[in-house]
C-alpha atoms as a PDB file:
ATOM      1  CA  UNK A   1       9.600   2.024   5.168  1.00  0.00           C
ATOM      2  CA  UNK A   2       6.460   2.939   3.251  1.00  0.00           C
ATOM      3  CA  UNK A   3       4.514   2.915   6.515  1.00  0.00           C
ATOM      4  CA  UNK A   4       6.963   5.319   8.107  1.00  0.00           C
ATOM      5  CA  UNK A   5       6.900   7.612   5.073  1.00  0.00           C
ATOM      6  CA  UNK A   6       3.098   7.687   5.353  1.00  0.00           C
ATOM      7  CA  UNK A   7       3.312   8.427   9.074  1.00  0.00           C
ATOM      8  CA  UNK A   8       5.716  11.311   8.478  1.00  0.00           C
ATOM      9  CA  UNK A   9       3.479  12.787   5.776  1.00  0.00           C
ATOM     10  CA  UNK A  10       0.485  12.664   8.114  1.00  0.00           C
ATOM     11  CA  UNK A  11       2.465  14.701  10.651  1.00  0.00           C
ATOM     12  CA  UNK A  12       4.035  17.084   8.144  1.00  0.00           C
ATOM     13  CA  UNK A  13       0.954  17.811   6.050  1.00  0.00           C
ATOM     14  CA  UNK A  14      -1.853  17.072   8.499  1.00  0.00           C
ATOM     15  CA  UNK A  15      -4.441  16.120   5.891  1.00  0.00           C
ATOM     16  CA  UNK A  16      -3.672  19.091   3.616  1.00  0.00           C
ATOM     17  CA  UNK A  17      -5.477  18.831   0.288  1.00  0.00           C
ATOM     18  CA  UNK A  18      -3.623  16.549  -2.085  1.00  0.00           C
ATOM     19  CA  UNK A  19      -1.632  14.939   0.736  1.00  0.00           C
ATOM     20  CA  UNK A  20      -4.168  12.646   2.391  1.00  0.00           C
ATOM     21  CA  UNK A  21      -2.993   9.117   3.193  1.00  0.00           C
ATOM     22  CA  UNK A  22      -4.854   6.187   1.633  1.00  0.00           C
ATOM     23  CA  UNK A  23      -3.501   3.316   3.759  1.00  0.00           C
ATOM     24  CA  UNK A  24      -4.223   4.227   7.378  1.00  0.00           C
ATOM     25  CA  UNK A  25      -4.841   2.133  10.454  1.00  0.00           C
ATOM     26  CA  UNK A  26      -8.526   1.337  10.736  1.00  0.00           C
ATOM     27  CA  UNK A  27      -9.400   3.016   7.424  1.00  0.00           C
ATOM     28  CA  UNK A  28     -12.234   1.622   5.290  1.00  0.00           C
ATOM     29  CA  UNK A  29     -10.728   1.756   1.829  1.00  0.00           C
ATOM     30  CA  UNK A  30     -13.988   1.303  -0.050  1.00  0.00           C
ATOM     31  CA  UNK A  31     -15.358   4.483   1.499  1.00  0.00           C
ATOM     32  CA  UNK A  32     -12.368   6.371   0.127  1.00  0.00           C
ATOM     33  CA  UNK A  33     -13.136   4.869  -3.285  1.00  0.00           C
ATOM     34  CA  UNK A  34     -16.732   6.021  -2.859  1.00  0.00           C
ATOM     35  CA  UNK A  35     -15.535   9.608  -2.477  1.00  0.00           C
ATOM     36  CA  UNK A  36     -14.001   9.345  -5.938  1.00  0.00           C
ATOM     37  CA  UNK A  37     -17.348   8.217  -7.403  1.00  0.00           C
ATOM     38  CA  UNK A  38     -19.136  11.052  -5.596  1.00  0.00           C
ATOM     39  CA  UNK A  39     -16.767  13.545  -7.227  1.00  0.00           C
ATOM     40  CA  UNK A  40     -17.154  12.014 -10.691  1.00  0.00           C
ATOM     41  CA  UNK A  41     -20.855  11.082 -10.666  1.00  0.00           C
ATOM     42  CA  UNK A  42     -22.384  14.266  -9.310  1.00  0.00           C
ATOM     43  CA  UNK A  43     -25.993  14.097  -8.054  1.00  0.00           C
ATOM     44  CA  UNK A  44     -26.138  10.312  -8.447  1.00  0.00           C
ATOM     45  CA  UNK A  45     -27.905   8.971  -5.351  1.00  0.00           C
ATOM     46  CA  UNK A  46     -26.928   5.346  -6.041  1.00  0.00           C
ATOM     47  CA  UNK A  47     -23.302   6.205  -5.366  1.00  0.00           C
ATOM     48  CA  UNK A  48     -24.193   6.903  -1.726  1.00  0.00           C
ATOM     49  CA  UNK A  49     -25.648   3.426  -1.104  1.00  0.00           C
ATOM     50  CA  UNK A  50     -24.319   0.827  -3.543  1.00  0.00           C
ATOM     51  CA  UNK A  51     -21.939  -1.782  -2.126  1.00  0.00           C
ATOM     52  CA  UNK A  52     -20.445  -2.446  -5.558  1.00  0.00           C
ATOM     53  CA  UNK A  53     -19.450   0.232  -8.073  1.00  0.00           C
ATOM     54  CA  UNK A  54     -17.518  -0.088 -11.321  1.00  0.00           C
ATOM     55  CA  UNK A  55     -16.388   2.399 -13.963  1.00  0.00           C
ATOM     56  CA  UNK A  56     -18.886   2.746 -16.787  1.00  0.00           C
ATOM     57  CA  UNK A  57     -16.163   3.180 -19.419  1.00  0.00           C
ATOM     58  CA  UNK A  58     -12.418   3.713 -19.863  1.00  0.00           C
ATOM     59  CA  UNK A  59     -12.767   7.478 -19.608  1.00  0.00           C
ATOM     60  CA  UNK A  60     -14.444   7.238 -16.207  1.00  0.00           C
ATOM     61  CA  UNK A  61     -11.843   4.711 -15.026  1.00  0.00           C
ATOM     62  CA  UNK A  62      -9.092   7.236 -15.820  1.00  0.00           C
ATOM     63  CA  UNK A  63     -10.957  10.005 -13.970  1.00  0.00           C
ATOM     64  CA  UNK A  64     -11.364   7.774 -10.902  1.00  0.00           C
ATOM     65  CA  UNK A  65      -7.688   6.823 -10.885  1.00  0.00           C
ATOM     66  CA  UNK A  66      -6.583  10.440 -11.253  1.00  0.00           C
ATOM     67  CA  UNK A  67      -8.913  11.518  -8.434  1.00  0.00           C
ATOM     68  CA  UNK A  68      -7.248   8.994  -6.138  1.00  0.00           C
ATOM     69  CA  UNK A  69      -3.766  10.012  -7.292  1.00  0.00           C
ATOM     70  CA  UNK A  70      -4.525  13.702  -6.915  1.00  0.00           C
ATOM     71  CA  UNK A  71      -5.907  13.381  -3.395  1.00  0.00           C
ATOM     72  CA  UNK A  72      -3.715  10.682  -1.840  1.00  0.00           C
ATOM     73  CA  UNK A  73       0.044  11.120  -1.664  1.00  0.00           C
ATOM     74  CA  UNK A  74       0.751   7.429  -1.109  1.00  0.00           C
ATOM     75  CA  UNK A  75      -1.381   6.379  -4.098  1.00  0.00           C
ATOM     76  CA  UNK A  76       0.476   8.590  -6.582  1.00  0.00           C
ATOM     77  CA  UNK A  77       3.788   7.655  -4.947  1.00  0.00           C
ATOM     78  CA  UNK A  78       3.581   3.928  -4.197  1.00  0.00           C
ATOM     79  CA  UNK A  79       0.535   2.932  -6.227  1.00  0.00           C
ATOM     80  CA  UNK A  80      -2.418   0.888  -4.979  1.00  0.00           C
ATOM     81  CA  UNK A  81      -4.809  -1.914  -5.869  1.00  0.00           C
ATOM     82  CA  UNK A  82      -8.220  -0.255  -5.573  1.00  0.00           C
ATOM     83  CA  UNK A  83     -10.476  -2.883  -7.145  1.00  0.00           C
ATOM     84  CA  UNK A  84     -12.084  -4.000  -3.870  1.00  0.00           C
ATOM     85  CA  UNK A  85     -15.857  -3.872  -4.346  1.00  0.00           C
ATOM     86  CA  UNK A  86     -16.053  -0.169  -5.098  1.00  0.00           C
ATOM     87  CA  UNK A  87     -13.637  -0.266  -8.003  1.00  0.00           C
ATOM     88  CA  UNK A  88     -11.190   2.569  -8.678  1.00  0.00           C
ATOM     89  CA  UNK A  89      -8.881   0.311 -10.704  1.00  0.00           C
ATOM     90  CA  UNK A  90      -5.146  -0.088 -10.039  1.00  0.00           C
ATOM     91  CA  UNK A  91      -2.282   2.387  -9.950  1.00  0.00           C
ATOM     92  CA  UNK A  92       1.309   1.358 -10.505  1.00  0.00           C
ATOM     93  CA  UNK A  93       3.415   3.678  -8.372  1.00  0.00           C
ATOM     94  CA  UNK A  94       6.714   5.208  -9.481  1.00  0.00           C
ATOM     95  CA  UNK A  95       8.417   4.678  -6.088  1.00  0.00           C
ATOM     96  CA  UNK A  96       9.403   1.299  -4.659  1.00  0.00           C
ATOM     97  CA  UNK A  97      11.725   0.158  -1.863  1.00  0.00           C
ATOM     98  CA  UNK A  98      13.553  -3.103  -1.354  1.00  0.00           C
ATOM     99  CA  UNK A  99      13.591  -4.849   2.007  1.00  0.00           C
ATOM    100  CA  UNK A 100      16.458  -3.595   4.169  1.00  0.00           C
ATOM    101  CA  UNK A 101      19.235  -6.065   4.931  1.00  0.00           C
ATOM    102  CA  UNK A 102      21.791  -5.814   7.721  1.00  0.00           C
ATOM    103  CA  UNK A 103      25.383  -5.406   6.609  1.00  0.00           C
ATOM    104  CA  UNK A 104      26.533  -8.042   9.115  1.00  0.00           C
ATOM    105  CA  UNK A 105      24.671 -10.735  11.076  1.00  0.00           C
ATOM    106  CA  UNK A 106      22.777  -9.199  13.992  1.00  0.00           C
ATOM    107  CA  UNK A 107      22.244 -10.531  17.518  1.00  0.00           C
ATOM    108  CA  UNK A 108      18.677  -9.988  18.770  1.00  0.00           C
ATOM    109  CA  UNK A 109      18.278  -9.839  22.546  1.00  0.00           C
ATOM    110  CA  UNK A 110      15.187 -10.396  24.654  1.00  0.00           C
ATOM    111  CA  UNK A 111      14.396  -7.934  27.448  1.00  0.00           C
ATOM    112  CA  UNK A 112      11.879  -8.616  30.218  1.00  0.00           C
ATOM    113  CA  UNK A 113       9.395  -5.867  31.052  1.00  0.00           C
ATOM    114  CA  UNK A 114       6.631  -5.505  33.642  1.00  0.00           C
ATOM    115  CA  UNK A 115       3.280  -3.774  33.734  1.00  0.00           C
ATOM    116  CA  UNK A 116       2.060  -2.631  37.142  1.00  0.00           C
ATOM    117  CA  UNK A 117      -1.504  -1.687  36.190  1.00  0.00           C
ATOM    118  CA  UNK A 118      -4.396  -4.145  36.017  1.00  0.00           C
ATOM    119  CA  UNK A 119      -6.634  -4.360  32.984  1.00  0.00           C
ATOM    120  CA  UNK A 120      -9.881  -4.637  34.961  1.00  0.00           C
ATOM    121  CA  UNK A 121     -11.277  -5.107  38.494  1.00  0.00           C
ATOM    122  CA  UNK A 122     -11.407  -8.896  38.205  1.00  0.00           C
ATOM    123  CA  UNK A 123      -7.707  -9.100  37.316  1.00  0.00           C
ATOM    124  CA  UNK A 124      -6.780  -6.843  40.219  1.00  0.00           C
ATOM    125  CA  UNK A 125      -8.800  -8.931  42.708  1.00  0.00           C
ATOM    126  CA  UNK A 126      -7.252 -12.186  41.501  1.00  0.00           C
ATOM    127  CA  UNK A 127      -3.716 -10.829  41.909  1.00  0.00           C
ATOM    128  CA  UNK A 128      -4.372  -9.480  45.391  1.00  0.00           C
ATOM    129  CA  UNK A 129      -5.782 -12.859  46.434  1.00  0.00           C
ATOM    130  CA  UNK A 130      -2.943 -14.953  45.018  1.00  0.00           C
ATOM    131  CA  UNK A 131      -0.017 -12.862  46.285  1.00  0.00           C
ATOM    132  CA  UNK A 132       1.063 -13.862  49.813  1.00  0.00           C
ATOM    133  CA  UNK A 133       4.469 -12.185  49.787  1.00  0.00           C
ATOM    134  CA  UNK A 134       5.469  -9.657  52.449  1.00  0.00           C
ATOM    135  CA  UNK A 135       5.983  -7.017  49.799  1.00  0.00           C
ATOM    136  CA  UNK A 136       2.761  -7.272  47.838  1.00  0.00           C
ATOM    137  CA  UNK A 137       3.035  -6.352  44.145  1.00  0.00           C
ATOM    138  CA  UNK A 138      -0.607  -5.982  43.232  1.00  0.00           C
ATOM    139  CA  UNK A 139      -0.695  -5.620  39.467  1.00  0.00           C
ATOM    140  CA  UNK A 140       2.417  -6.970  37.823  1.00  0.00           C
ATOM    141  CA  UNK A 141       2.255  -8.494  34.332  1.00  0.00           C
ATOM    142  CA  UNK A 142       5.422  -9.797  32.702  1.00  0.00           C
ATOM    143  CA  UNK A 143       6.204  -9.223  29.060  1.00  0.00           C
ATOM    144  CA  UNK A 144       9.116  -9.185  26.643  1.00  0.00           C
ATOM    145  CA  UNK A 145      10.641  -6.839  24.103  1.00  0.00           C
ATOM    146  CA  UNK A 146      13.156  -7.798  21.455  1.00  0.00           C
ATOM    147  CA  UNK A 147      16.017  -5.442  20.670  1.00  0.00           C
ATOM    148  CA  UNK A 148      19.118  -5.374  18.487  1.00  0.00           C
ATOM    149  CA  UNK A 149      22.133  -3.817  20.295  1.00  0.00           C
ATOM    150  CA  UNK A 150      23.357  -2.410  16.970  1.00  0.00           C
ATOM    151  CA  UNK A 151      22.741  -3.097  13.310  1.00  0.00           C
ATOM    152  CA  UNK A 152      23.402  -1.166  10.119  1.00  0.00           C
ATOM    153  CA  UNK A 153      20.812  -1.840   7.437  1.00  0.00           C
ATOM    154  CA  UNK A 154      20.964  -1.068   3.735  1.00  0.00           C
ATOM    155  CA  UNK A 155      17.903  -0.628   1.524  1.00  0.00           C
ATOM    156  CA  UNK A 156      17.551   0.323  -2.123  1.00  0.00           C
ATOM    157  CA  UNK A 157      14.891   2.601  -3.569  1.00  0.00           C
ATOM    158  CA  UNK A 158      13.684   3.068  -7.126  1.00  0.00           C
ATOM    159  CA  UNK A 159      11.915   6.031  -8.731  1.00  0.00           C
ATOM    160  CA  UNK A 160      10.549   5.766 -12.266  1.00  0.00           C
ATOM    161  CA  UNK A 161      10.201   9.155 -13.939  1.00  0.00           C
ATOM    162  CA  UNK A 162       8.051   7.636 -16.692  1.00  0.00           C
ATOM    163  CA  UNK A 163       5.593   6.083 -14.245  1.00  0.00           C
ATOM    164  CA  UNK A 164       5.400   9.372 -12.344  1.00  0.00           C
ATOM    165  CA  UNK A 165       3.956  10.972 -15.480  1.00  0.00           C
ATOM    166  CA  UNK A 166       0.942   8.645 -15.165  1.00  0.00           C
ATOM    167  CA  UNK A 167       0.240   9.325 -11.486  1.00  0.00           C
ATOM    168  CA  UNK A 168       1.113  13.024 -11.232  1.00  0.00           C
ATOM    169  CA  UNK A 169       4.042  12.422  -8.861  1.00  0.00           C
ATOM    170  CA  UNK A 170       5.842  15.778  -9.078  1.00  0.00           C
ATOM    171  CA  UNK A 171       9.226  17.293  -8.256  1.00  0.00           C
ATOM    172  CA  UNK A 172       7.734  18.776  -5.073  1.00  0.00           C
ATOM    173  CA  UNK A 173       6.424  15.309  -4.138  1.00  0.00           C
ATOM    174  CA  UNK A 174       9.922  13.925  -4.716  1.00  0.00           C
ATOM    175  CA  UNK A 175      11.435  16.546  -2.418  1.00  0.00           C
ATOM    176  CA  UNK A 176       8.836  15.707   0.222  1.00  0.00           C
ATOM    177  CA  UNK A 177       9.666  11.994  -0.132  1.00  0.00           C
ATOM    178  CA  UNK A 178      13.365  12.708   0.430  1.00  0.00           C
ATOM    179  CA  UNK A 179      12.492  14.845   3.459  1.00  0.00           C
ATOM    180  CA  UNK A 180      10.445  11.951   4.852  1.00  0.00           C
ATOM    181  CA  UNK A 181      13.289   9.477   4.284  1.00  0.00           C
ATOM    182  CA  UNK A 182      15.767  11.751   6.036  1.00  0.00           C
ATOM    183  CA  UNK A 183      13.485  12.025   9.080  1.00  0.00           C
ATOM    184  CA  UNK A 184      12.033   8.518   8.948  1.00  0.00           C
ATOM    185  CA  UNK A 185      12.494   7.698  12.648  1.00  0.00           C
ATOM    186  CA  UNK A 186      12.524  11.152  14.243  1.00  0.00           C
ATOM    187  CA  UNK A 187       8.852  10.898  15.244  1.00  0.00           C
ATOM    188  CA  UNK A 188       8.647   7.118  15.543  1.00  0.00           C
ATOM    189  CA  UNK A 189      10.441   6.310  18.785  1.00  0.00           C
ATOM    190  CA  UNK A 190       9.836   3.398  21.128  1.00  0.00           C
ATOM    191  CA  UNK A 191      11.794   1.651  23.878  1.00  0.00           C
ATOM    192  CA  UNK A 192      12.830  -1.172  21.542  1.00  0.00           C
ATOM    193  CA  UNK A 193      13.988   1.090  18.700  1.00  0.00           C
ATOM    194  CA  UNK A 194      14.510   4.445  20.340  1.00  0.00           C
ATOM    195  CA  UNK A 195      17.765   5.313  18.605  1.00  0.00           C
ATOM    196  CA  UNK A 196      17.122   4.227  15.030  1.00  0.00           C
ATOM    197  CA  UNK A 197      18.276   6.811  12.477  1.00  0.00           C
ATOM    198  CA  UNK A 198      18.876   7.233   8.759  1.00  0.00           C
ATOM    199  CA  UNK A 199      22.632   7.611   8.427  1.00  0.00           C
ATOM    200  CA  UNK A 200      23.127   8.056   4.681  1.00  0.00           C
ATOM    201  CA  UNK A 201      20.803   8.871   1.785  1.00  0.00           C
ATOM    202  CA  UNK A 202      22.535   8.616  -1.577  1.00  0.00           C
ATOM    203  CA  UNK A 203      20.594   9.573  -4.709  1.00  0.00           C
ATOM    204  CA  UNK A 204      21.510   8.859  -8.337  1.00  0.00           C
ATOM    205  CA  UNK A 205      19.922  11.461 -10.605  1.00  0.00           C
ATOM    206  CA  UNK A 206      19.640  10.623 -14.314  1.00  0.00           C
ATOM    207  CA  UNK A 207      19.524  13.094 -17.196  1.00  0.00           C
ATOM    208  CA  UNK A 208      16.957  10.952 -19.039  1.00  0.00           C
ATOM    209  CA  UNK A 209      13.498   9.948 -17.829  1.00  0.00           C
ATOM    210  CA  UNK A 210      14.287   6.380 -18.953  1.00  0.00           C
ATOM    211  CA  UNK A 211      17.584   6.359 -17.052  1.00  0.00           C
ATOM    212  CA  UNK A 212      21.200   6.546 -18.150  1.00  0.00           C
ATOM    213  CA  UNK A 213      22.587   3.531 -16.267  1.00  0.00           C
ATOM    214  CA  UNK A 214      21.114   0.295 -14.836  1.00  0.00           C
ATOM    215  CA  UNK A 215      20.180   0.623 -11.170  1.00  0.00           C
ATOM    216  CA  UNK A 216      22.216  -2.409 -10.061  1.00  0.00           C
ATOM    217  CA  UNK A 217      25.453  -0.964 -11.498  1.00  0.00           C
ATOM    218  CA  UNK A 218      24.900   2.240  -9.549  1.00  0.00           C
ATOM    219  CA  UNK A 219      24.137   0.403  -6.314  1.00  0.00           C
ATOM    220  CA  UNK A 220      27.378  -1.555  -6.797  1.00  0.00           C
ATOM    221  CA  UNK A 221      29.253   1.744  -6.596  1.00  0.00           C
ATOM    222  CA  UNK A 222      28.241   2.168  -2.943  1.00  0.00           C
ATOM    223  CA  UNK A 223      30.525   0.079  -0.725  1.00  0.00           C
ATOM    224  CA  UNK A 224      29.689  -0.483   2.939  1.00  0.00           C
ATOM    225  CA  UNK A 225      31.910  -2.413   5.310  1.00  0.00           C
ATOM    226  CA  UNK A 226      33.717  -2.436   8.627  1.00  0.00           C
ATOM    227  CA  UNK A 227      36.084   0.375   9.440  1.00  0.00           C
ATOM    228  CA  UNK A 228      39.427  -1.178  10.426  1.00  0.00           C
ATOM    229  CA  UNK A 229      42.055   1.494  11.120  1.00  0.00           C
ATOM    230  CA  UNK A 230      40.520   3.733   8.461  1.00  0.00           C
ATOM    231  CA  UNK A 231      40.319   0.950   5.865  1.00  0.00           C
ATOM    232  CA  UNK A 232      37.027  -0.414   4.534  1.00  0.00           C
ATOM    233  CA  UNK A 233      36.696  -4.188   4.720  1.00  0.00           C
ATOM    234  CA  UNK A 234      33.520  -5.609   3.202  1.00  0.00           C
ATOM    235  CA  UNK A 235      31.486  -8.569   4.396  1.00  0.00           C
ATOM    236  CA  UNK A 236      33.216 -11.876   3.760  1.00  0.00           C
ATOM    237  CA  UNK A 237      36.732 -10.585   4.358  1.00  0.00           C
ATOM    238  CA  UNK A 238      38.416 -13.269   6.559  1.00  0.00           C
ATOM    239  CA  UNK A 239      40.259 -10.538   8.436  1.00  0.00           C
ATOM    240  CA  UNK A 240      36.949  -9.581  10.060  1.00  0.00           C
ATOM    241  CA  UNK A 241      36.550 -12.905  11.876  1.00  0.00           C
ATOM    242  CA  UNK A 242      38.111 -11.792  15.152  1.00  0.00           C
ATOM    243  CA  UNK A 243      36.632  -8.304  15.285  1.00  0.00           C
ATOM    244  CA  UNK A 244      34.195  -7.507  18.108  1.00  0.00           C
ATOM    245  CA  UNK A 245      30.610  -6.823  17.006  1.00  0.00           C
ATOM    246  CA  UNK A 246      29.809  -3.336  15.736  1.00  0.00           C
ATOM    247  CA  UNK A 247      28.211  -1.063  18.286  1.00  0.00           C
ATOM    248  CA  UNK A 248      28.339   2.332  16.553  1.00  0.00           C
ATOM    249  CA  UNK A 249      28.059   3.834  13.078  1.00  0.00           C
ATOM    250  CA  UNK A 250      31.753   4.754  13.204  1.00  0.00           C
ATOM    251  CA  UNK A 251      32.528   1.016  13.218  1.00  0.00           C
ATOM    252  CA  UNK A 252      31.544   1.140   9.526  1.00  0.00           C
ATOM    253  CA  UNK A 253      32.716   2.990   6.448  1.00  0.00           C
ATOM    254  CA  UNK A 254      30.653   4.032   3.434  1.00  0.00           C
ATOM    255  CA  UNK A 255      32.501   4.766   0.217  1.00  0.00           C
ATOM    256  CA  UNK A 256      31.200   5.722  -3.234  1.00  0.00           C
ATOM    257  CA  UNK A 257      33.087   4.733  -6.372  1.00  0.00           C
ATOM    258  CA  UNK A 258      32.809   7.660  -8.808  1.00  0.00           C
ATOM    259  CA  UNK A 259      35.381   6.454 -11.343  1.00  0.00           C
ATOM    260  CA  UNK A 260      34.068   6.054 -14.878  1.00  0.00           C
ATOM    261  CA  UNK A 261      30.592   7.288 -13.996  1.00  0.00           C
ATOM    262  CA  UNK A 262      28.646   8.718 -16.935  1.00  0.00           C
ATOM    263  CA  UNK A 263      28.236  12.493 -16.992  1.00  0.00           C
ATOM    264  CA  UNK A 264      24.512  11.867 -17.444  1.00  0.00           C
ATOM    265  CA  UNK A 265      24.281  10.471 -13.874  1.00  0.00           C
ATOM    266  CA  UNK A 266      24.704  12.778 -10.895  1.00  0.00           C
ATOM    267  CA  UNK A 267      25.385  11.506  -7.373  1.00  0.00           C
ATOM    268  CA  UNK A 268      23.615  13.528  -4.683  1.00  0.00           C
ATOM    269  CA  UNK A 269      24.482  12.820  -1.042  1.00  0.00           C
ATOM    270  CA  UNK A 270      21.418  13.999   0.872  1.00  0.00           C
ATOM    271  CA  UNK A 271      22.868  12.669   4.140  1.00  0.00           C
END
C-alpha cells in the first residue's frame, strides 16, 4: 500500500518541491542523503566526494532529518532509516498500515499466457529451426499469471498526530494521503489485477492529539461479512457453509456500530 501511495504521489505532484519520493525504483538513497549534507554544509567540497558522512553534532543531525522530511513526502509520512553510509539518521513516521487480509478464504487461479516476440536473433533462429508444424508459430513463449476471481481485503491504518509534529506531516499532507488511498489502483492497472478498487475508507478522527479511544476498539466497530438477504453474517457463521463464493462487492455488507461512541471521536466515511 505504501508503494502505491508513493506511485500516486509521483503522478499527482510530479516532483513538486516538498513532494519528492525517497523510495523509488533504481534510486541511490545515499545520493539523496548527500543532497541534505550539501544543503547544510555549504561550500564544503568534501561533501561532494566522501563515501561516508555523519552528523557533527545533535543540532546538525536534526537539520539533516528535517531536510529529508521537508523534501520527501514519504519520509515525513512513513519514516525512513537513513543511516546507510551517508548518515541522515532515522525518522519514525506518523503513518503506518497493517497487511491487508481477505475477509474470506480466496481461490487463486493460474492463467497461461503467450509471448509472440523473440528476445533476440538467436532465439528467433532456434524457434524457426525447431518448429516443423504446418502452421509455424515463430516466436511463442509460454508464461503464467496468477489471479484471484474475487476477494475483499481489509487493512487498518494508523496516524499519530504527536509523531507528525516531529516530521512536519501537515493537514494538507493528510488530505493528500486520503486522496491517494481513495485512488490507490486507478493508475495501477494490469491484466492480473485490472479491476482492483478501494471500496470503503472509514476514518476515525480524535479530538485529542493523543487519541480519545484505543484503535482496536474503533476497528471492532466496523463489521464486514457476507450479505445474505440483506443480513450481515460474519466469518465463522455456520450458515455460510453452503453459500457460493463471493464474486462481487454486493455479496458483502459493511456496517459501522456507532452506539456508545465517545463524542470526542468522529467517524468520517470518505468512501
